[in-house]
Amino acid sequence: MPMTHHAKNSSRRMFVHTILVLACHLQACVSECVPAVLASRKKLYKPEGQSISLWCDVQHCGQKWTGGWGIRRGHFVFLTASPRVHLYNKTFTYDTTRLFLDIQNLNQSDSGEYQCKIEWEDSNSLGHVTQVNVTAVPEPTGRKLSYRLLVCGAASLCFPLALALACCFSCRPAPPVPPPRSRNSSTARVKPKADVVYAVVALDRPRQQRTTQARTAGTAVLYSTVNFSNA
């Protein structure tokens, strides 16, 4: 039996109603908002002097809320802004606000567990923890290398100077060696005495006297003889 026109219209209205009901339920599910704090759990290792940037999302769903970034040191402590610590917010949607934390010029006292804590009208929410470890800065190798180069340069400049001084002292002429003193130097300095001239003067006397004289003269050194004769 063919379907009448009235029955066809009823079926169409039922189908449209079903679609509308499903759409309303789907919209209700999509638009449902649950207050929460969205953050990622992670660990960071940073050397001293560097900086970090953290963020978390507050899904408040239009509710009133307070709170922000803090650190756990035995108990939770909210952070306050300072020249090194910067805290600021940015709204993404009507239901979501992002909280930023920037810490500059890190030191080892900044190590700890950072997280967002949000206080609602009737409850509290905590985001995931970010563990920050600030390590000591190792000794820079560049400075050590420059120091070594400076020492080597100074040593290379001092070595030629020391070598030149050694050459100067080695090339300096030695003082003359005084001649050895002669043992007879005292004798050589004494002026020789005047030569003694011996002369024998003899007269022409008898032979006996000459013989006696000759004997006497034999015992002496004769340098010259002068004889006189009687004419």
C-alpha atoms as a PDB file:
ATOM      1  CA  MET A   1       0.000   0.000   0.000  1.00  0.00           C
ATOM      2  CA  PRO A   2       1.519   3.282  -1.024  1.00  0.00           C
ATOM      3  CA  MET A   3       2.403   5.813   1.692  1.00  0.00           C
ATOM      4  CA  THR A   4       0.086   8.783   1.876  1.00  0.00           C
ATOM      5  CA  HIS A   5       1.268  12.391   1.716  1.00  0.00           C
ATOM      6  CA  HIS A   6       0.485  12.952   5.418  1.00  0.00           C
ATOM      7  CA  ALA A   7       2.592  10.000   6.460  1.00  0.00           C
ATOM      8  CA  LYS A   8       5.529  11.272   4.434  1.00  0.00           C
ATOM      9  CA  ASN A   9       5.375  14.684   6.131  1.00  0.00           C
ATOM     10  CA  SER A  10       5.288  13.075   9.564  1.00  0.00           C
ATOM     11  CA  SER A  11       8.383  11.027   8.825  1.00  0.00           C
ATOM     12  CA  ARG A  12      10.258  14.097   7.666  1.00  0.00           C
ATOM     13  CA  ARG A  13       9.342  16.070  10.779  1.00  0.00           C
ATOM     14  CA  MET A  14      10.520  13.204  12.997  1.00  0.00           C
ATOM     15  CA  PHE A  15      13.830  12.962  11.192  1.00  0.00           C
ATOM     16  CA  VAL A  16      14.466  16.721  11.513  1.00  0.00           C
ATOM     17  CA  HIS A  17      13.567  16.627  15.199  1.00  0.00           C
ATOM     18  CA  THR A  18      16.014  13.793  15.783  1.00  0.00           C
ATOM     19  CA  ILE A  19      18.785  15.741  14.039  1.00  0.00           C
ATOM     20  CA  LEU A  20      18.059  18.818  16.131  1.00  0.00           C
ATOM     21  CA  VAL A  21      18.143  16.831  19.373  1.00  0.00           C
ATOM     22  CA  LEU A  22      21.465  15.270  18.450  1.00  0.00           C
ATOM     23  CA  ALA A  23      22.879  18.666  17.507  1.00  0.00           C
ATOM     24  CA  CYS A  24      21.810  20.153  20.829  1.00  0.00           C
ATOM     25  CA  HIS A  25      23.428  17.333  22.775  1.00  0.00           C
ATOM     26  CA  LEU A  26      26.589  17.644  20.704  1.00  0.00           C
ATOM     27  CA  GLN A  27      26.727  21.393  21.287  1.00  0.00           C
ATOM     28  CA  ALA A  28      26.210  20.896  24.983  1.00  0.00           C
ATOM     29  CA  CYS A  29      29.088  18.430  25.101  1.00  0.00           C
ATOM     30  CA  VAL A  30      31.333  20.711  23.109  1.00  0.00           C
ATOM     31  CA  SER A  31      30.533  23.791  25.145  1.00  0.00           C
ATOM     32  CA  GLU A  32      30.989  22.048  28.496  1.00  0.00           C
ATOM     33  CA  CYS A  33      34.026  23.542  30.323  1.00  0.00           C
ATOM     34  CA  VAL A  34      35.824  22.085  33.327  1.00  0.00           C
ATOM     35  CA  PRO A  35      38.124  24.402  35.374  1.00  0.00           C
ATOM     36  CA  ALA A  36      41.695  23.082  35.368  1.00  0.00           C
ATOM     37  CA  VAL A  37      45.394  23.992  35.179  1.00  0.00           C
ATOM     38  CA  LEU A  38      47.172  22.626  32.133  1.00  0.00           C
ATOM     39  CA  ALA A  39      50.976  22.275  32.305  1.00  0.00           C
ATOM     40  CA  SER A  40      53.625  19.787  31.239  1.00  0.00           C
ATOM     41  CA  ARG A  41      55.841  17.794  33.600  1.00  0.00           C
ATOM     42  CA  LYS A  42      59.555  18.169  32.768  1.00  0.00           C
ATOM     43  CA  LYS A  43      63.091  18.635  34.094  1.00  0.00           C
ATOM     44  CA  LEU A  44      65.433  21.436  33.099  1.00  0.00           C
ATOM     45  CA  TYR A  45      69.202  21.687  33.612  1.00  0.00           C
ATOM     46  CA  LYS A  46      70.613  25.159  33.233  1.00  0.00           C
ATOM     47  CA  PRO A  47      74.071  26.579  34.076  1.00  0.00           C
ATOM     48  CA  GLU A  48      74.395  29.684  36.185  1.00  0.00           C
ATOM     49  CA  GLY A  49      73.896  32.965  34.363  1.00  0.00           C
ATOM     50  CA  GLN A  50      71.374  31.673  31.822  1.00  0.00           C
ATOM     51  CA  SER A  51      67.570  32.111  31.852  1.00  0.00           C
ATOM     52  CA  ILE A  52      64.409  29.962  31.733  1.00  0.00           C
ATOM     53  CA  SER A  53      60.875  30.578  30.431  1.00  0.00           C
ATOM     54  CA  LEU A  54      57.933  28.544  31.786  1.00  0.00           C
ATOM     55  CA  TRP A  55      54.185  28.716  31.151  1.00  0.00           C
ATOM     56  CA  CYS A  56      50.931  27.082  32.182  1.00  0.00           C
ATOM     57  CA  ASP A  57      47.320  27.441  30.957  1.00  0.00           C
ATOM     58  CA  VAL A  58      44.459  28.241  33.316  1.00  0.00           C
ATOM     59  CA  GLN A  59      41.151  26.939  31.970  1.00  0.00           C
ATOM     60  CA  HIS A  60      38.825  28.947  34.209  1.00  0.00           C
ATOM     61  CA  CYS A  61      35.567  28.622  32.196  1.00  0.00           C
ATOM     62  CA  GLY A  62      34.545  32.149  33.132  1.00  0.00           C
ATOM     63  CA  GLN A  63      34.922  31.565  36.878  1.00  0.00           C
ATOM     64  CA  LYS A  64      36.794  33.872  39.192  1.00  0.00           C
ATOM     65  CA  TRP A  65      40.266  32.703  40.139  1.00  0.00           C
ATOM     66  CA  THR A  66      43.490  33.844  41.794  1.00  0.00           C
ATOM     67  CA  GLY A  67      47.001  32.428  41.999  1.00  0.00           C
ATOM     68  CA  GLY A  68      49.972  31.977  39.718  1.00  0.00           C
ATOM     69  CA  TRP A  69      53.495  30.563  39.605  1.00  0.00           C
ATOM     70  CA  GLY A  70      55.207  29.348  42.746  1.00  0.00           C
ATOM     71  CA  ILE A  71      58.055  27.144  43.997  1.00  0.00           C
ATOM     72  CA  ARG A  72      58.093  24.248  46.429  1.00  0.00           C
ATOM     73  CA  ARG A  73      60.716  24.429  49.164  1.00  0.00           C
ATOM     74  CA  GLY A  74      59.238  22.257  51.845  1.00  0.00           C
ATOM     75  CA  HIS A  75      55.970  24.130  51.237  1.00  0.00           C
ATOM     76  CA  PHE A  76      54.495  26.056  48.328  1.00  0.00           C
ATOM     77  CA  VAL A  77      55.518  29.735  48.042  1.00  0.00           C
ATOM     78  CA  PHE A  78      54.109  32.106  45.423  1.00  0.00           C
ATOM     79  CA  LEU A  79      56.723  33.998  43.399  1.00  0.00           C
ATOM     80  CA  THR A  80      56.791  37.765  43.255  1.00  0.00           C
ATOM     81  CA  ALA A  81      58.071  39.909  40.414  1.00  0.00           C
ATOM     82  CA  SER A  82      61.599  41.320  40.639  1.00  0.00           C
ATOM     83  CA  PRO A  83      64.296  42.591  38.245  1.00  0.00           C
ATOM     84  CA  ARG A  84      65.233  38.936  37.607  1.00  0.00           C
ATOM     85  CA  VAL A  85      61.782  37.299  37.904  1.00  0.00           C
ATOM     86  CA  HIS A  86      59.145  38.352  35.372  1.00  0.00           C
ATOM     87  CA  LEU A  87      55.474  37.278  35.752  1.00  0.00           C
ATOM     88  CA  TYR A  88      52.841  38.117  33.149  1.00  0.00           C
ATOM     89  CA  ASN A  89      49.598  36.725  31.649  1.00  0.00           C
ATOM     90  CA  LYS A  90      48.125  36.442  28.175  1.00  0.00           C
ATOM     91  CA  THR A  91      44.492  35.620  27.366  1.00  0.00           C
ATOM     92  CA  PHE A  92      44.023  33.174  24.475  1.00  0.00           C
ATOM     93  CA  THR A  93      40.293  32.551  24.599  1.00  0.00           C
ATOM     94  CA  TYR A  94      37.401  33.557  26.744  1.00  0.00           C
ATOM     95  CA  ASP A  95      37.949  30.441  28.853  1.00  0.00           C
ATOM     96  CA  THR A  96      41.773  30.172  28.853  1.00  0.00           C
ATOM     97  CA  THR A  97      44.600  32.383  30.183  1.00  0.00           C
ATOM     98  CA  ARG A  98      48.306  31.543  29.887  1.00  0.00           C
ATOM     99  CA  LEU A  99      50.631  32.406  32.774  1.00  0.00           C
ATOM    100  CA  PHE A 100      54.297  33.068  31.966  1.00  0.00           C
ATOM    101  CA  LEU A 101      57.350  32.875  34.237  1.00  0.00           C
ATOM    102  CA  ASP A 102      60.760  34.167  33.096  1.00  0.00           C
ATOM    103  CA  ILE A 103      63.827  34.011  35.354  1.00  0.00           C
ATOM    104  CA  GLN A 104      67.001  35.689  34.152  1.00  0.00           C
ATOM    105  CA  ASN A 105      70.601  35.382  35.353  1.00  0.00           C
ATOM    106  CA  LEU A 106      69.999  32.098  37.146  1.00  0.00           C
ATOM    107  CA  ASN A 107      71.943  31.103  40.250  1.00  0.00           C
ATOM    108  CA  GLN A 108      72.023  27.850  42.199  1.00  0.00           C
ATOM    109  CA  SER A 109      69.515  29.177  44.750  1.00  0.00           C
ATOM    110  CA  ASP A 110      66.890  29.184  41.947  1.00  0.00           C
ATOM    111  CA  SER A 111      66.907  25.371  41.810  1.00  0.00           C
ATOM    112  CA  GLY A 112      63.599  23.776  42.839  1.00  0.00           C
ATOM    113  CA  GLU A 113      60.144  22.581  41.788  1.00  0.00           C
ATOM    114  CA  TYR A 114      58.061  25.194  39.966  1.00  0.00           C
ATOM    115  CA  GLN A 115      54.326  24.865  39.332  1.00  0.00           C
ATOM    116  CA  CYS A 116      51.128  26.869  38.936  1.00  0.00           C
ATOM    117  CA  LYS A 117      48.589  26.963  41.742  1.00  0.00           C
ATOM    118  CA  ILE A 118      45.079  28.337  41.089  1.00  0.00           C
ATOM    119  CA  GLU A 119      42.494  28.994  43.770  1.00  0.00           C
ATOM    120  CA  TRP A 120      38.830  28.820  42.716  1.00  0.00           C
ATOM    121  CA  GLU A 121      35.835  29.915  44.711  1.00  0.00           C
ATOM    122  CA  ASP A 122      35.451  26.516  46.344  1.00  0.00           C
ATOM    123  CA  SER A 123      38.621  24.521  45.459  1.00  0.00           C
ATOM    124  CA  ASN A 124      42.281  24.627  44.383  1.00  0.00           C
ATOM    125  CA  SER A 125      44.086  23.279  41.329  1.00  0.00           C
ATOM    126  CA  LEU A 126      47.789  22.526  40.838  1.00  0.00           C
ATOM    127  CA  GLY A 127      49.609  22.167  37.549  1.00  0.00           C
ATOM    128  CA  HIS A 128      52.339  19.658  36.775  1.00  0.00           C
ATOM    129  CA  VAL A 129      55.772  20.305  38.318  1.00  0.00           C
ATOM    130  CA  THR A 130      58.755  21.585  36.363  1.00  0.00           C
ATOM    131  CA  GLN A 131      62.015  20.587  38.072  1.00  0.00           C
ATOM    132  CA  VAL A 132      64.725  23.216  37.522  1.00  0.00           C
ATOM    133  CA  ASN A 133      68.368  22.326  38.317  1.00  0.00           C
ATOM    134  CA  VAL A 134      70.886  25.169  38.135  1.00  0.00           C
ATOM    135  CA  THR A 135      74.439  23.875  37.798  1.00  0.00           C
ATOM    136  CA  ALA A 136      77.714  25.643  38.499  1.00  0.00           C
ATOM    137  CA  VAL A 137      79.444  27.214  35.536  1.00  0.00           C
ATOM    138  CA  PRO A 138      82.538  25.198  34.499  1.00  0.00           C
ATOM    139  CA  GLU A 139      85.820  27.028  34.131  1.00  0.00           C
ATOM    140  CA  PRO A 140      85.889  28.535  30.670  1.00  0.00           C
ATOM    141  CA  THR A 141      88.429  26.837  28.411  1.00  0.00           C
ATOM    142  CA  GLY A 142      88.872  29.984  26.346  1.00  0.00           C
ATOM    143  CA  ARG A 143      90.227  31.908  29.319  1.00  0.00           C
ATOM    144  CA  LYS A 144      92.532  29.042  30.240  1.00  0.00           C
ATOM    145  CA  LEU A 145      93.796  28.901  26.657  1.00  0.00           C
ATOM    146  CA  SER A 146      94.375  32.648  26.506  1.00  0.00           C
ATOM    147  CA  TYR A 147      96.223  32.512  29.825  1.00  0.00           C
ATOM    148  CA  ARG A 148      98.462  29.759  28.491  1.00  0.00           C
ATOM    149  CA  LEU A 149      99.131  31.724  25.329  1.00  0.00           C
ATOM    150  CA  LEU A 150     100.006  34.783  27.403  1.00  0.00           C
ATOM    151  CA  VAL A 151     102.460  32.792  29.518  1.00  0.00           C
ATOM    152  CA  CYS A 152     104.040  31.213  26.434  1.00  0.00           C
ATOM    153  CA  GLY A 153     104.361  34.621  24.775  1.00  0.00           C
ATOM    154  CA  ALA A 154     106.058  36.111  27.828  1.00  0.00           C
ATOM    155  CA  ALA A 155     108.422  33.149  28.018  1.00  0.00           C
ATOM    156  CA  SER A 156     109.279  33.465  24.316  1.00  0.00           C
ATOM    157  CA  LEU A 157     110.122  37.138  24.823  1.00  0.00           C
ATOM    158  CA  CYS A 158     112.250  36.486  27.889  1.00  0.00           C
ATOM    159  CA  PHE A 159     114.264  33.670  26.286  1.00  0.00           C
ATOM    160  CA  PRO A 160     115.957  35.834  23.595  1.00  0.00           C
ATOM    161  CA  LEU A 161     116.738  38.466  26.219  1.00  0.00           C
ATOM    162  CA  ALA A 162     118.363  35.893  28.482  1.00  0.00           C
ATOM    163  CA  LEU A 163     120.264  34.478  25.512  1.00  0.00           C
ATOM    164  CA  ALA A 164     121.546  37.930  24.534  1.00  0.00           C
ATOM    165  CA  LEU A 165     122.712  38.630  28.076  1.00  0.00           C
ATOM    166  CA  ALA A 166     124.514  35.287  28.183  1.00  0.00           C
ATOM    167  CA  CYS A 167     126.255  36.082  24.883  1.00  0.00           C
ATOM    168  CA  CYS A 168     127.327  39.499  26.147  1.00  0.00           C
ATOM    169  CA  PHE A 169     128.876  38.024  29.251  1.00  0.00           C
ATOM    170  CA  SER A 170     130.563  35.199  27.344  1.00  0.00           C
ATOM    171  CA  CYS A 171     132.024  37.528  24.643  1.00  0.00           C
ATOM    172  CA  ARG A 172     133.438  40.032  27.108  1.00  0.00           C
ATOM    173  CA  PRO A 173     137.332  39.958  26.917  1.00  0.00           C
ATOM    174  CA  ALA A 174     139.058  38.489  29.907  1.00  0.00           C
ATOM    175  CA  PRO A 175     141.354  40.796  31.897  1.00  0.00           C
ATOM    176  CA  PRO A 176     145.101  40.349  31.097  1.00  0.00           C
ATOM    177  CA  VAL A 177     146.962  37.937  33.283  1.00  0.00           C
ATOM    178  CA  PRO A 178     149.833  39.652  35.135  1.00  0.00           C
ATOM    179  CA  PRO A 179     153.255  38.107  34.389  1.00  0.00           C
ATOM    180  CA  PRO A 180     154.744  35.975  37.121  1.00  0.00           C
ATOM    181  CA  ARG A 181     157.106  37.785  39.414  1.00  0.00           C
ATOM    182  CA  SER A 182     160.753  36.816  38.952  1.00  0.00           C
ATOM    183  CA  ARG A 183     162.598  35.477  41.919  1.00  0.00           C
ATOM    184  CA  ASN A 184     165.562  37.706  41.088  1.00  0.00           C
ATOM    185  CA  SER A 185     163.458  40.775  40.722  1.00  0.00           C
ATOM    186  CA  SER A 186     164.969  42.308  43.851  1.00  0.00           C
ATOM    187  CA  THR A 187     168.440  41.670  42.503  1.00  0.00           C
ATOM    188  CA  ALA A 188     167.516  43.015  39.077  1.00  0.00           C
ATOM    189  CA  ARG A 189     166.242  46.244  40.577  1.00  0.00           C
ATOM    190  CA  VAL A 190     169.600  46.882  42.411  1.00  0.00           C
ATOM    191  CA  LYS A 191     171.859  49.037  40.355  1.00  0.00           C
ATOM    192  CA  PRO A 192     175.172  47.355  39.607  1.00  0.00           C
ATOM    193  CA  LYS A 193     178.081  48.735  41.518  1.00  0.00           C
ATOM    194  CA  ALA A 194     180.876  50.531  39.769  1.00  0.00           C
ATOM    195  CA  ASP A 195     183.484  48.215  38.363  1.00  0.00           C
ATOM    196  CA  VAL A 196     186.659  48.036  40.449  1.00  0.00           C
ATOM    197  CA  VAL A 197     189.762  48.445  38.390  1.00  0.00           C
ATOM    198  CA  TYR A 198     192.857  46.956  39.807  1.00  0.00           C
ATOM    199  CA  ALA A 199     196.177  48.214  38.639  1.00  0.00           C
ATOM    200  CA  VAL A 200     199.633  47.123  39.623  1.00  0.00           C
ATOM    201  CA  VAL A 201     202.346  49.677  39.443  1.00  0.00           C
ATOM    202  CA  ALA A 202     205.798  48.211  39.603  1.00  0.00           C
ATOM    203  CA  LEU A 203     209.204  49.778  39.288  1.00  0.00           C
ATOM    204  CA  ASP A 204     212.049  48.090  37.546  1.00  0.00           C
ATOM    205  CA  ARG A 205     213.792  46.689  40.557  1.00  0.00           C
ATOM    206  CA  PRO A 206     216.060  43.832  40.978  1.00  0.00           C
ATOM    207  CA  ARG A 207     214.883  40.399  39.834  1.00  0.00           C
ATOM    208  CA  GLN A 208     214.321  39.252  43.366  1.00  0.00           C
ATOM    209  CA  GLN A 209     211.788  41.894  44.002  1.00  0.00           C
ATOM    210  CA  ARG A 210     210.086  41.185  40.716  1.00  0.00           C
ATOM    211  CA  THR A 211     209.964  37.501  41.586  1.00  0.00           C
ATOM    212  CA  THR A 212     208.432  38.287  44.954  1.00  0.00           C
ATOM    213  CA  GLN A 213     206.113  40.705  43.306  1.00  0.00           C
ATOM    214  CA  ALA A 214     205.175  38.088  40.740  1.00  0.00           C
ATOM    215  CA  ARG A 215     204.310  35.614  43.474  1.00  0.00           C
ATOM    216  CA  THR A 216     202.272  38.157  45.223  1.00  0.00           C
ATOM    217  CA  ALA A 217     200.524  39.117  42.020  1.00  0.00           C
ATOM    218  CA  GLY A 218     199.830  35.466  41.252  1.00  0.00           C
ATOM    219  CA  THR A 219     197.375  35.373  44.064  1.00  0.00           C
ATOM    220  CA  ALA A 220     195.518  38.399  42.809  1.00  0.00           C
ATOM    221  CA  VAL A 221     193.607  39.144  39.663  1.00  0.00           C
ATOM    222  CA  LEU A 222     195.447  41.614  37.486  1.00  0.00           C
ATOM    223  CA  TYR A 223     193.474  43.742  35.159  1.00  0.00           C
ATOM    224  CA  SER A 224     196.359  45.971  34.008  1.00  0.00           C
ATOM    225  CA  THR A 225     200.100  46.393  34.681  1.00  0.00           C
ATOM    226  CA  VAL A 226     202.255  49.494  34.427  1.00  0.00           C
ATOM    227  CA  ASN A 227     206.090  49.134  34.578  1.00  0.00           C
ATOM    228  CA  PHE A 228     208.553  51.926  35.006  1.00  0.00           C
ATOM    229  CA  SER A 229     212.197  51.460  34.289  1.00  0.00           C
ATOM    230  CA  ASN A 230     215.159  53.562  35.443  1.00  0.00           C
ATOM    231  CA  ALA A 231     217.142  54.800  32.582  1.00  0.00           C
END
